[in-house]
Every structure is written in C-alpha cells, then in structure tokens.
Full PDB file with SEQRES, HELIX, SHEET, SSBOND, CRYST1, ORIGX, SCALE, CONECT and MASTER records, all heavy atoms in Angstrom:
SEQRES   1 A   43  GLU ALA THR ILE ASN LYS PRO ASP ASP VAL ALA SER PRO          
SEQRES   2 A   43  MET GLY MET LYS GLU ALA ILE ALA LYS SER GLY SER PHE          
SEQRES   3 A   43  LEU GLU ALA ASN LEU ALA GLN ALA ASP GLU PRO THR PRO          
SEQRES   4 A   43  ALA ALA ASP ASP                                              
HELIX    1 AA1 PRO A    7  VAL A   10  5                                   4    
HELIX    2 AA2 PRO A   13  ALA A   21  1                                   9    
HELIX    3 AA3 LEU A   27  GLN A   33  1                                   7    
CRYST1    1.000    1.000    1.000  90.00  90.00  90.00 P 1           1          
ORIGX1      1.000000  0.000000  0.000000        0.00000                         
ORIGX2      0.000000  1.000000  0.000000        0.00000                         
ORIGX3      0.000000  0.000000  1.000000        0.00000                         
SCALE1      1.000000  0.000000  0.000000        0.00000                         
SCALE2      0.000000  1.000000  0.000000        0.00000                         
SCALE3      0.000000  0.000000  1.000000        0.00000                         
ATOM      1  N   GLU A   1      22.470 253.686  20.742  1.00  0.00           N  
ATOM      2  CA  GLU A   1      21.390 254.215  19.904  1.00  0.00           C  
ATOM      3  C   GLU A   1      20.760 253.115  19.057  1.00  0.00           C  
ATOM      4  O   GLU A   1      19.541 253.115  18.835  1.00  0.00           O  
ATOM      5  CB  GLU A   1      21.932 255.325  19.012  1.00  0.00           C  
ATOM      6  CG  GLU A   1      20.860 256.074  18.244  1.00  0.00           C  
ATOM      7  CD  GLU A   1      21.407 257.253  17.470  1.00  0.00           C  
ATOM      8  OE1 GLU A   1      22.639 257.310  17.255  1.00  0.00           O  
ATOM      9  OE2 GLU A   1      20.613 258.130  17.089  1.00  0.00           O  
ATOM     10  N   ALA A   2      21.583 252.154  18.622  1.00  0.00           N  
ATOM     11  CA  ALA A   2      21.071 251.074  17.774  1.00  0.00           C  
ATOM     12  C   ALA A   2      20.157 250.120  18.541  1.00  0.00           C  
ATOM     13  O   ALA A   2      19.353 249.396  17.935  1.00  0.00           O  
ATOM     14  CB  ALA A   2      22.236 250.298  17.161  1.00  0.00           C  
ATOM     15  N   THR A   3      20.258 250.080  19.869  1.00  0.00           N  
ATOM     16  CA  THR A   3      19.410 249.180  20.658  1.00  0.00           C  
ATOM     17  C   THR A   3      18.023 249.754  20.921  1.00  0.00           C  
ATOM     18  O   THR A   3      17.145 249.048  21.416  1.00  0.00           O  
ATOM     19  CB  THR A   3      20.055 248.873  22.026  1.00  0.00           C  
ATOM     20  OG1 THR A   3      20.111 250.075  22.812  1.00  0.00           O  
ATOM     21  CG2 THR A   3      21.444 248.310  21.856  1.00  0.00           C  
ATOM     22  N   ILE A   4      17.825 251.037  20.611  1.00  0.00           N  
ATOM     23  CA  ILE A   4      16.556 251.689  20.918  1.00  0.00           C  
ATOM     24  C   ILE A   4      15.537 251.385  19.823  1.00  0.00           C  
ATOM     25  O   ILE A   4      15.794 251.593  18.636  1.00  0.00           O  
ATOM     26  CB  ILE A   4      16.755 253.205  21.076  1.00  0.00           C  
ATOM     27  CG1 ILE A   4      17.708 253.465  22.251  1.00  0.00           C  
ATOM     28  CG2 ILE A   4      15.423 253.907  21.298  1.00  0.00           C  
ATOM     29  CD1 ILE A   4      18.061 254.915  22.437  1.00  0.00           C  
ATOM     30  N   ASN A   5      14.378 250.880  20.233  1.00  0.00           N  
ATOM     31  CA  ASN A   5      13.345 250.482  19.287  1.00  0.00           C  
ATOM     32  C   ASN A   5      12.634 251.688  18.693  1.00  0.00           C  
ATOM     33  O   ASN A   5      12.521 252.748  19.323  1.00  0.00           O  
ATOM     34  CB  ASN A   5      12.306 249.595  19.983  1.00  0.00           C  
ATOM     35  CG  ASN A   5      12.891 248.273  20.427  1.00  0.00           C  
ATOM     36  OD1 ASN A   5      12.938 247.323  19.655  1.00  0.00           O  
ATOM     37  ND2 ASN A   5      13.330 248.212  21.676  1.00  0.00           N  
ATOM     38  N   LYS A   6      12.133 251.516  17.487  1.00  0.00           N  
ATOM     39  CA  LYS A   6      11.261 252.490  16.841  1.00  0.00           C  
ATOM     40  C   LYS A   6       9.805 252.097  17.109  1.00  0.00           C  
ATOM     41  O   LYS A   6       9.518 250.924  17.383  1.00  0.00           O  
ATOM     42  CB  LYS A   6      11.542 252.546  15.344  1.00  0.00           C  
ATOM     43  CG  LYS A   6      12.957 253.008  15.007  1.00  0.00           C  
ATOM     44  CD  LYS A   6      13.180 252.988  13.512  1.00  0.00           C  
ATOM     45  CE  LYS A   6      14.551 253.556  13.147  1.00  0.00           C  
ATOM     46  NZ  LYS A   6      15.649 252.786  13.785  1.00  0.00           N  
ATOM     47  N   PRO A   7       8.884 253.045  17.036  1.00  0.00           N  
ATOM     48  CA  PRO A   7       7.469 252.707  17.292  1.00  0.00           C  
ATOM     49  C   PRO A   7       6.964 251.545  16.445  1.00  0.00           C  
ATOM     50  O   PRO A   7       6.198 250.704  16.941  1.00  0.00           O  
ATOM     51  CB  PRO A   7       6.746 254.016  16.957  1.00  0.00           C  
ATOM     52  CG  PRO A   7       7.757 255.084  17.237  1.00  0.00           C  
ATOM     53  CD  PRO A   7       9.081 254.490  16.828  1.00  0.00           C  
ATOM     54  N   ASP A   8       7.379 251.471  15.186  1.00  0.00           N  
ATOM     55  CA  ASP A   8       6.926 250.372  14.332  1.00  0.00           C  
ATOM     56  C   ASP A   8       7.443 249.025  14.827  1.00  0.00           C  
ATOM     57  O   ASP A   8       6.816 247.987  14.572  1.00  0.00           O  
ATOM     58  CB  ASP A   8       7.381 250.599  12.886  1.00  0.00           C  
ATOM     59  CG  ASP A   8       6.631 251.746  12.215  1.00  0.00           C  
ATOM     60  OD1 ASP A   8       5.572 252.147  12.755  1.00  0.00           O  
ATOM     61  OD2 ASP A   8       7.106 252.246  11.178  1.00  0.00           O  
ATOM     62  N   ASP A   9       8.579 249.022  15.519  1.00  0.00           N  
ATOM     63  CA  ASP A   9       9.158 247.766  15.996  1.00  0.00           C  
ATOM     64  C   ASP A   9       8.268 247.093  17.039  1.00  0.00           C  
ATOM     65  O   ASP A   9       8.263 245.864  17.166  1.00  0.00           O  
ATOM     66  CB  ASP A   9      10.544 248.002  16.602  1.00  0.00           C  
ATOM     67  CG  ASP A   9      11.550 248.507  15.586  1.00  0.00           C  
ATOM     68  OD1 ASP A   9      11.354 248.236  14.388  1.00  0.00           O  
ATOM     69  OD2 ASP A   9      12.530 249.169  15.987  1.00  0.00           O  
ATOM     70  N   VAL A  10       7.529 247.894  17.812  1.00  0.00           N  
ATOM     71  CA  VAL A  10       6.703 247.325  18.883  1.00  0.00           C  
ATOM     72  C   VAL A  10       5.223 247.318  18.519  1.00  0.00           C  
ATOM     73  O   VAL A  10       4.369 247.109  19.380  1.00  0.00           O  
ATOM     74  CB  VAL A  10       6.917 248.105  20.198  1.00  0.00           C  
ATOM     75  CG1 VAL A  10       8.359 247.972  20.661  1.00  0.00           C  
ATOM     76  CG2 VAL A  10       6.550 249.581  20.032  1.00  0.00           C  
ATOM     77  N   ALA A  11       4.919 247.550  17.248  1.00  0.00           N  
ATOM     78  CA  ALA A  11       3.520 247.613  16.809  1.00  0.00           C  
ATOM     79  C   ALA A  11       2.923 246.233  16.578  1.00  0.00           C  
ATOM     80  O   ALA A  11       1.707 246.101  16.444  1.00  0.00           O  
ATOM     81  CB  ALA A  11       3.411 248.441  15.525  1.00  0.00           C  
ATOM     82  N   SER A  12       3.758 245.195  16.534  1.00  0.00           N  
ATOM     83  CA  SER A  12       3.273 243.831  16.327  1.00  0.00           C  
ATOM     84  C   SER A  12       3.592 242.987  17.559  1.00  0.00           C  
ATOM     85  O   SER A  12       4.513 243.312  18.320  1.00  0.00           O  
ATOM     86  CB  SER A  12       3.943 243.206  15.089  1.00  0.00           C  
ATOM     87  OG  SER A  12       5.342 243.032  15.320  1.00  0.00           O  
ATOM     88  N   PRO A  13       2.863 241.891  17.773  1.00  0.00           N  
ATOM     89  CA  PRO A  13       3.146 241.036  18.932  1.00  0.00           C  
ATOM     90  C   PRO A  13       4.575 240.511  18.964  1.00  0.00           C  
ATOM     91  O   PRO A  13       5.235 240.538  20.010  1.00  0.00           O  
ATOM     92  CB  PRO A  13       2.136 239.896  18.780  1.00  0.00           C  
ATOM     93  CG  PRO A  13       1.000 240.491  18.007  1.00  0.00           C  
ATOM     94  CD  PRO A  13       1.651 241.459  17.060  1.00  0.00           C  
ATOM     95  N   MET A  14       5.090 240.061  17.825  1.00  0.00           N  
ATOM     96  CA  MET A  14       6.457 239.539  17.792  1.00  0.00           C  
ATOM     97  C   MET A  14       7.473 240.652  18.028  1.00  0.00           C  
ATOM     98  O   MET A  14       8.493 240.451  18.690  1.00  0.00           O  
ATOM     99  CB  MET A  14       6.725 238.848  16.449  1.00  0.00           C  
ATOM    100  CG  MET A  14       5.998 237.520  16.290  1.00  0.00           C  
ATOM    101  SD  MET A  14       6.370 236.356  17.638  1.00  0.00           S  
ATOM    102  CE  MET A  14       8.150 236.180  17.417  1.00  0.00           C  
ATOM    103  N   GLY A  15       7.172 241.852  17.486  1.00  0.00           N  
ATOM    104  CA  GLY A  15       8.079 242.970  17.708  1.00  0.00           C  
ATOM    105  C   GLY A  15       8.141 243.368  19.171  1.00  0.00           C  
ATOM    106  O   GLY A  15       9.214 243.652  19.716  1.00  0.00           O  
ATOM    107  N   MET A  16       6.979 243.394  19.830  1.00  0.00           N  
ATOM    108  CA  MET A  16       6.951 243.717  21.254  1.00  0.00           C  
ATOM    109  C   MET A  16       7.671 242.642  22.064  1.00  0.00           C  
ATOM    110  O   MET A  16       8.416 242.954  23.013  1.00  0.00           O  
ATOM    111  CB  MET A  16       5.505 243.866  21.721  1.00  0.00           C  
ATOM    112  CG  MET A  16       5.360 244.132  23.217  1.00  0.00           C  
ATOM    113  SD  MET A  16       6.148 245.684  23.753  1.00  0.00           S  
ATOM    114  CE  MET A  16       4.928 246.868  23.169  1.00  0.00           C  
ATOM    115  N   LYS A  17       7.472 241.390  21.717  1.00  0.00           N  
ATOM    116  CA  LYS A  17       8.141 240.298  22.425  1.00  0.00           C  
ATOM    117  C   LYS A  17       9.656 240.439  22.322  1.00  0.00           C  
ATOM    118  O   LYS A  17      10.385 240.262  23.309  1.00  0.00           O  
ATOM    119  CB  LYS A  17       7.691 238.954  21.847  1.00  0.00           C  
ATOM    120  CG  LYS A  17       8.302 237.753  22.546  1.00  0.00           C  
ATOM    121  CD  LYS A  17       7.768 236.448  21.945  1.00  0.00           C  
ATOM    122  CE  LYS A  17       8.392 235.237  22.641  1.00  0.00           C  
ATOM    123  NZ  LYS A  17       7.863 233.957  22.079  1.00  0.00           N  
ATOM    124  N   GLU A  18      10.136 240.774  21.133  1.00  0.00           N  
ATOM    125  CA  GLU A  18      11.578 240.939  20.945  1.00  0.00           C  
ATOM    126  C   GLU A  18      12.098 242.161  21.705  1.00  0.00           C  
ATOM    127  O   GLU A  18      13.184 242.131  22.283  1.00  0.00           O  
ATOM    128  CB  GLU A  18      11.897 241.078  19.453  1.00  0.00           C  
ATOM    129  CG  GLU A  18      13.386 241.162  19.172  1.00  0.00           C  
ATOM    130  CD  GLU A  18      13.696 241.180  17.688  1.00  0.00           C  
ATOM    131  OE1 GLU A  18      12.771 240.932  16.882  1.00  0.00           O  
ATOM    132  OE2 GLU A  18      14.865 241.441  17.341  1.00  0.00           O  
ATOM    133  N   ALA A  19      11.314 243.244  21.712  1.00  0.00           N  
ATOM    134  CA  ALA A  19      11.727 244.448  22.436  1.00  0.00           C  
ATOM    135  C   ALA A  19      11.838 244.166  23.930  1.00  0.00           C  
ATOM    136  O   ALA A  19      12.757 244.650  24.609  1.00  0.00           O  
ATOM    137  CB  ALA A  19      10.740 245.577  22.181  1.00  0.00           C  
ATOM    138  N   ILE A  20      10.910 243.383  24.482  1.00  0.00           N  
ATOM    139  CA  ILE A  20      10.973 243.007  25.896  1.00  0.00           C  
ATOM    140  C   ILE A  20      12.212 242.162  26.168  1.00  0.00           C  
ATOM    141  O   ILE A  20      12.922 242.359  27.156  1.00  0.00           O  
ATOM    142  CB  ILE A  20       9.690 242.256  26.302  1.00  0.00           C  
ATOM    143  CG1 ILE A  20       8.490 243.211  26.275  1.00  0.00           C  
ATOM    144  CG2 ILE A  20       9.842 241.625  27.685  1.00  0.00           C  
ATOM    145  CD1 ILE A  20       7.157 242.522  26.486  1.00  0.00           C  
ATOM    146  N   ALA A  21      12.481 241.223  25.269  1.00  0.00           N  
ATOM    147  CA  ALA A  21      13.642 240.341  25.447  1.00  0.00           C  
ATOM    148  C   ALA A  21      14.949 241.106  25.414  1.00  0.00           C  
ATOM    149  O   ALA A  21      15.926 240.717  26.072  1.00  0.00           O  
ATOM    150  CB  ALA A  21      13.636 239.258  24.369  1.00  0.00           C  
ATOM    151  N   LYS A  22      15.007 242.201  24.657  1.00  0.00           N  
ATOM    152  CA  LYS A  22      16.247 242.974  24.505  1.00  0.00           C  
ATOM    153  C   LYS A  22      16.257 244.235  25.369  1.00  0.00           C  
ATOM    154  O   LYS A  22      17.097 245.111  25.184  1.00  0.00           O  
ATOM    155  CB  LYS A  22      16.421 243.375  23.033  1.00  0.00           C  
ATOM    156  CG  LYS A  22      16.501 242.194  22.065  1.00  0.00           C  
ATOM    157  CD  LYS A  22      17.668 241.276  22.375  1.00  0.00           C  
ATOM    158  CE  LYS A  22      17.769 240.155  21.332  1.00  0.00           C  
ATOM    159  NZ  LYS A  22      18.900 239.242  21.638  1.00  0.00           N  
ATOM    160  N   SER A  23      15.346 244.314  26.344  1.00  0.00           N  
ATOM    161  CA  SER A  23      15.248 245.518  27.180  1.00  0.00           C  
ATOM    162  C   SER A  23      16.350 245.625  28.217  1.00  0.00           C  
ATOM    163  O   SER A  23      16.475 246.644  28.890  1.00  0.00           O  
ATOM    164  CB  SER A  23      13.894 245.531  27.889  1.00  0.00           C  
ATOM    165  OG  SER A  23      13.809 244.443  28.802  1.00  0.00           O  
ATOM    166  N   GLY A  24      17.134 244.582  28.369  1.00  0.00           N  
ATOM    167  CA  GLY A  24      18.180 244.545  29.397  1.00  0.00           C  
ATOM    168  C   GLY A  24      17.807 243.698  30.577  1.00  0.00           C  
ATOM    169  O   GLY A  24      18.665 243.219  31.313  1.00  0.00           O  
ATOM    170  N   SER A  25      16.510 243.465  30.774  1.00  0.00           N  
ATOM    171  CA  SER A  25      16.051 242.702  31.930  1.00  0.00           C  
ATOM    172  C   SER A  25      16.440 241.236  31.873  1.00  0.00           C  
ATOM    173  O   SER A  25      16.500 240.564  32.905  1.00  0.00           O  
ATOM    174  CB  SER A  25      14.521 242.812  32.045  1.00  0.00           C  
ATOM    175  OG  SER A  25      14.124 244.156  32.236  1.00  0.00           O  
ATOM    176  N   PHE A  26      16.718 240.727  30.671  1.00  0.00           N  
ATOM    177  CA  PHE A  26      16.979 239.299  30.517  1.00  0.00           C  
ATOM    178  C   PHE A  26      18.373 239.031  29.950  1.00  0.00           C  
ATOM    179  O   PHE A  26      18.632 237.945  29.434  1.00  0.00           O  
ATOM    180  CB  PHE A  26      15.912 238.675  29.611  1.00  0.00           C  
ATOM    181  CG  PHE A  26      14.513 238.980  30.055  1.00  0.00           C  
ATOM    182  CD1 PHE A  26      13.801 240.025  29.484  1.00  0.00           C  
ATOM    183  CD2 PHE A  26      13.915 238.258  31.070  1.00  0.00           C  
ATOM    184  CE1 PHE A  26      12.512 240.326  29.903  1.00  0.00           C  
ATOM    185  CE2 PHE A  26      12.627 238.553  31.491  1.00  0.00           C  
ATOM    186  CZ  PHE A  26      11.926 239.589  30.908  1.00  0.00           C  
ATOM    187  N   LEU A  27      19.278 240.000  30.047  1.00  0.00           N  
ATOM    188  CA  LEU A  27      20.609 239.850  29.448  1.00  0.00           C  
ATOM    189  C   LEU A  27      21.331 238.625  29.992  1.00  0.00           C  
ATOM    190  O   LEU A  27      21.776 237.756  29.237  1.00  0.00           O  
ATOM    191  CB  LEU A  27      21.444 241.110  29.703  1.00  0.00           C  
ATOM    192  CG  LEU A  27      22.920 241.010  29.300  1.00  0.00           C  
ATOM    193  CD1 LEU A  27      23.063 240.783  27.799  1.00  0.00           C  
ATOM    194  CD2 LEU A  27      23.681 242.266  29.730  1.00  0.00           C  
ATOM    195  N   GLU A  28      21.465 238.560  31.317  1.00  0.00           N  
ATOM    196  CA  GLU A  28      22.231 237.454  31.909  1.00  0.00           C  
ATOM    197  C   GLU A  28      21.556 236.105  31.660  1.00  0.00           C  
ATOM    198  O   GLU A  28      22.228 235.101  31.404  1.00  0.00           O  
ATOM    199  CB  GLU A  28      22.406 237.687  33.415  1.00  0.00           C  
ATOM    200  CG  GLU A  28      23.348 238.834  33.771  1.00  0.00           C  
ATOM    201  CD  GLU A  28      22.703 240.211  33.646  1.00  0.00           C  
ATOM    202  OE1 GLU A  28      21.486 240.276  33.365  1.00  0.00           O  
ATOM    203  OE2 GLU A  28      23.401 241.209  33.839  1.00  0.00           O  
ATOM    204  N   ALA A  29      20.214 236.078  31.700  1.00  0.00           N  
ATOM    205  CA  ALA A  29      19.501 234.823  31.451  1.00  0.00           C  
ATOM    206  C   ALA A  29      19.724 234.350  30.014  1.00  0.00           C  
ATOM    207  O   ALA A  29      19.935 233.163  29.764  1.00  0.00           O  
ATOM    208  CB  ALA A  29      18.006 235.012  31.723  1.00  0.00           C  
ATOM    209  N   ASN A  30      19.706 235.291  29.071  1.00  0.00           N  
ATOM    210  CA  ASN A  30      19.937 234.928  27.674  1.00  0.00           C  
ATOM    211  C   ASN A  30      21.362 234.433  27.455  1.00  0.00           C  
ATOM    212  O   ASN A  30      21.594 233.467  26.716  1.00  0.00           O  
ATOM    213  CB  ASN A  30      19.653 236.119  26.756  1.00  0.00           C  
ATOM    214  CG  ASN A  30      18.177 236.477  26.721  1.00  0.00           C  
ATOM    215  OD1 ASN A  30      17.323 235.637  26.959  1.00  0.00           O  
ATOM    216  ND2 ASN A  30      17.873 237.730  26.420  1.00  0.00           N  
ATOM    217  N   LEU A  31      22.334 235.067  28.098  1.00  0.00           N  
ATOM    218  CA  LEU A  31      23.719 234.632  27.962  1.00  0.00           C  
ATOM    219  C   LEU A  31      23.929 233.257  28.577  1.00  0.00           C  
ATOM    220  O   LEU A  31      24.681 232.432  28.055  1.00  0.00           O  
ATOM    221  CB  LEU A  31      24.658 235.646  28.620  1.00  0.00           C  
ATOM    222  CG  LEU A  31      24.751 237.020  27.944  1.00  0.00           C  
ATOM    223  CD1 LEU A  31      25.659 237.942  28.755  1.00  0.00           C  
ATOM    224  CD2 LEU A  31      25.275 236.886  26.514  1.00  0.00           C  
ATOM    225  N   ALA A  32      23.258 232.993  29.702  1.00  0.00           N  
ATOM    226  CA  ALA A  32      23.422 231.708  30.379  1.00  0.00           C  
ATOM    227  C   ALA A  32      22.831 230.563  29.567  1.00  0.00           C  
ATOM    228  O   ALA A  32      23.310 229.428  29.638  1.00  0.00           O  
ATOM    229  CB  ALA A  32      22.773 231.762  31.759  1.00  0.00           C  
ATOM    230  N   GLN A  33      21.792 230.861  28.778  1.00  0.00           N  
ATOM    231  CA  GLN A  33      21.130 229.816  27.997  1.00  0.00           C  
ATOM    232  C   GLN A  33      21.793 229.576  26.652  1.00  0.00           C  
ATOM    233  O   GLN A  33      21.556 228.561  26.016  1.00  0.00           O  
ATOM    234  CB  GLN A  33      19.662 230.185  27.779  1.00  0.00           C  
ATOM    235  CG  GLN A  33      18.844 230.189  29.063  1.00  0.00           C  
ATOM    236  CD  GLN A  33      17.427 230.698  28.847  1.00  0.00           C  
ATOM    237  OE1 GLN A  33      17.056 231.030  27.714  1.00  0.00           O  
ATOM    238  NE2 GLN A  33      16.653 230.765  29.919  1.00  0.00           N  
ATOM    239  N   ALA A  34      22.646 230.509  26.220  1.00  0.00           N  
ATOM    240  CA  ALA A  34      23.282 230.377  24.906  1.00  0.00           C  
ATOM    241  C   ALA A  34      24.341 229.271  24.937  1.00  0.00           C  
ATOM    242  O   ALA A  34      25.016 229.057  25.939  1.00  0.00           O  
ATOM    243  CB  ALA A  34      23.921 231.701  24.502  1.00  0.00           C  
ATOM    244  N   ASP A  35      24.465 228.547  23.818  1.00  0.00           N  
ATOM    245  CA  ASP A  35      25.483 227.492  23.720  1.00  0.00           C  
ATOM    246  C   ASP A  35      26.887 228.080  23.793  1.00  0.00           C  
ATOM    247  O   ASP A  35      27.769 227.525  24.440  1.00  0.00           O  
ATOM    248  CB  ASP A  35      25.309 226.721  22.410  1.00  0.00           C  
ATOM    249  CG  ASP A  35      23.986 225.962  22.381  1.00  0.00           C  
ATOM    250  OD1 ASP A  35      23.494 225.599  23.468  1.00  0.00           O  
ATOM    251  OD2 ASP A  35      23.465 225.746  21.280  1.00  0.00           O  
ATOM    252  N   GLU A  36      27.088 229.208  23.116  1.00  0.00           N  
ATOM    253  CA  GLU A  36      28.365 229.906  23.141  1.00  0.00           C  
ATOM    254  C   GLU A  36      28.091 231.359  23.491  1.00  0.00           C  
ATOM    255  O   GLU A  36      27.868 232.190  22.605  1.00  0.00           O  
ATOM    256  CB  GLU A  36      29.072 229.803  21.788  1.00  0.00           C  
ATOM    257  CG  GLU A  36      29.428 228.370  21.392  1.00  0.00           C  
ATOM    258  CD  GLU A  36      30.154 228.318  20.064  1.00  0.00           C  
ATOM    259  OE1 GLU A  36      30.390 229.403  19.479  1.00  0.00           O  
ATOM    260  OE2 GLU A  36      30.483 227.215  19.601  1.00  0.00           O  
ATOM    261  N   PRO A  37      28.095 231.680  24.799  1.00  0.00           N  
ATOM    262  CA  PRO A  37      27.743 233.048  25.215  1.00  0.00           C  
ATOM    263  C   PRO A  37      28.616 234.101  24.561  1.00  0.00           C  
ATOM    264  O   PRO A  37      29.839 234.018  24.565  1.00  0.00           O  
ATOM    265  CB  PRO A  37      27.977 233.011  26.732  1.00  0.00           C  
ATOM    266  CG  PRO A  37      27.843 231.562  27.096  1.00  0.00           C  
ATOM    267  CD  PRO A  37      28.399 230.811  25.926  1.00  0.00           C  
ATOM    268  N   THR A  38      27.981 235.079  23.962  1.00  0.00           N  
ATOM    269  CA  THR A  38      28.683 236.223  23.375  1.00  0.00           C  
ATOM    270  C   THR A  38      27.929 237.480  23.777  1.00  0.00           C  
ATOM    271  O   THR A  38      26.721 237.434  24.039  1.00  0.00           O  
ATOM    272  CB  THR A  38      28.727 236.127  21.837  1.00  0.00           C  
ATOM    273  OG1 THR A  38      27.392 236.016  21.345  1.00  0.00           O  
ATOM    274  CG2 THR A  38      29.531 234.919  21.398  1.00  0.00           C  
ATOM    275  N   PRO A  39      28.614 238.618  23.838  1.00  0.00           N  
ATOM    276  CA  PRO A  39      27.916 239.856  24.205  1.00  0.00           C  
ATOM    277  C   PRO A  39      26.743 240.129  23.276  1.00  0.00           C  
ATOM    278  O   PRO A  39      26.853 240.003  22.065  1.00  0.00           O  
ATOM    279  CB  PRO A  39      29.010 240.925  24.058  1.00  0.00           C  
ATOM    280  CG  PRO A  39      30.287 240.175  24.249  1.00  0.00           C  
ATOM    281  CD  PRO A  39      30.046 238.816  23.637  1.00  0.00           C  
ATOM    282  N   ALA A  40      25.600 240.473  23.852  1.00  0.00           N  
ATOM    283  CA  ALA A  40      24.400 240.750  23.052  1.00  0.00           C  
ATOM    284  C   ALA A  40      24.460 242.178  22.550  1.00  0.00           C  
ATOM    285  O   ALA A  40      24.211 243.117  23.285  1.00  0.00           O  
ATOM    286  CB  ALA A  40      23.154 240.516  23.890  1.00  0.00           C  
ATOM    287  N   ALA A  41      24.788 242.357  21.287  1.00  0.00           N  
ATOM    288  CA  ALA A  41      25.015 243.693  20.734  1.00  0.00           C  
ATOM    289  C   ALA A  41      23.747 244.523  20.708  1.00  0.00           C  
ATOM    290  O   ALA A  41      23.803 245.748  20.747  1.00  0.00           O  
ATOM    291  CB  ALA A  41      25.594 243.574  19.322  1.00  0.00           C  
ATOM    292  N   ASP A  42      22.586 243.856  20.608  1.00  0.00           N  
ATOM    293  CA  ASP A  42      21.337 244.610  20.511  1.00  0.00           C  
ATOM    294  C   ASP A  42      20.578 244.643  21.827  1.00  0.00           C  
ATOM    295  O   ASP A  42      19.398 244.982  21.850  1.00  0.00           O  
ATOM    296  CB  ASP A  42      20.449 244.021  19.406  1.00  0.00           C  
ATOM    297  CG  ASP A  42      20.212 242.525  19.595  1.00  0.00           C  
ATOM    298  OD1 ASP A  42      20.865 241.925  20.461  1.00  0.00           O  
ATOM    299  OD2 ASP A  42      19.367 241.969  18.876  1.00  0.00           O  
ATOM    300  N   ASP A  43      21.215 244.303  22.931  1.00  0.00           N  
ATOM    301  CA  ASP A  43      20.580 244.352  24.244  1.00  0.00           C  
ATOM    302  C   ASP A  43      20.882 245.695  24.905  1.00  0.00           C  
ATOM    303  O   ASP A  43      22.026 246.162  24.915  1.00  0.00           O  
ATOM    304  CB  ASP A  43      21.094 243.205  25.114  1.00  0.00           C  
ATOM    305  CG  ASP A  43      20.389 243.152  26.457  1.00  0.00           C  
ATOM    306  OD1 ASP A  43      20.815 243.876  27.391  1.00  0.00           O  
ATOM    307  OD2 ASP A  43      19.413 242.410  26.583  1.00  0.00           O  
TER     308      ASP A  43                                                      
MASTER        0    0    0    3    0    0    0    6  307    1    0    4          
END                                                                             
C-alpha cells in the first residue's frame, strides 16, 4: 500500500519521473546499478 502513488505525487514532472522509476519496471536495473544493492522498499 505504501508503494502506491497519490494523484498529487504524479502532478509534477519530477513526481511522475519518480513514479515511473518505482513502478516495478526498473527494479532489477536499479539494484544492478546500486553500489550496495538492497531491496527497494518503495518499488
């Protein structure tokens, strides 16, 4: 439930960009690029 965006979260360009990044589509790519991969709690 905490990963689900509110309408205000996607009302700005940066908010939409972050919502896309945390949509699940880029989970493995984000983990692979991290210096110390940890589970993405907000993905």
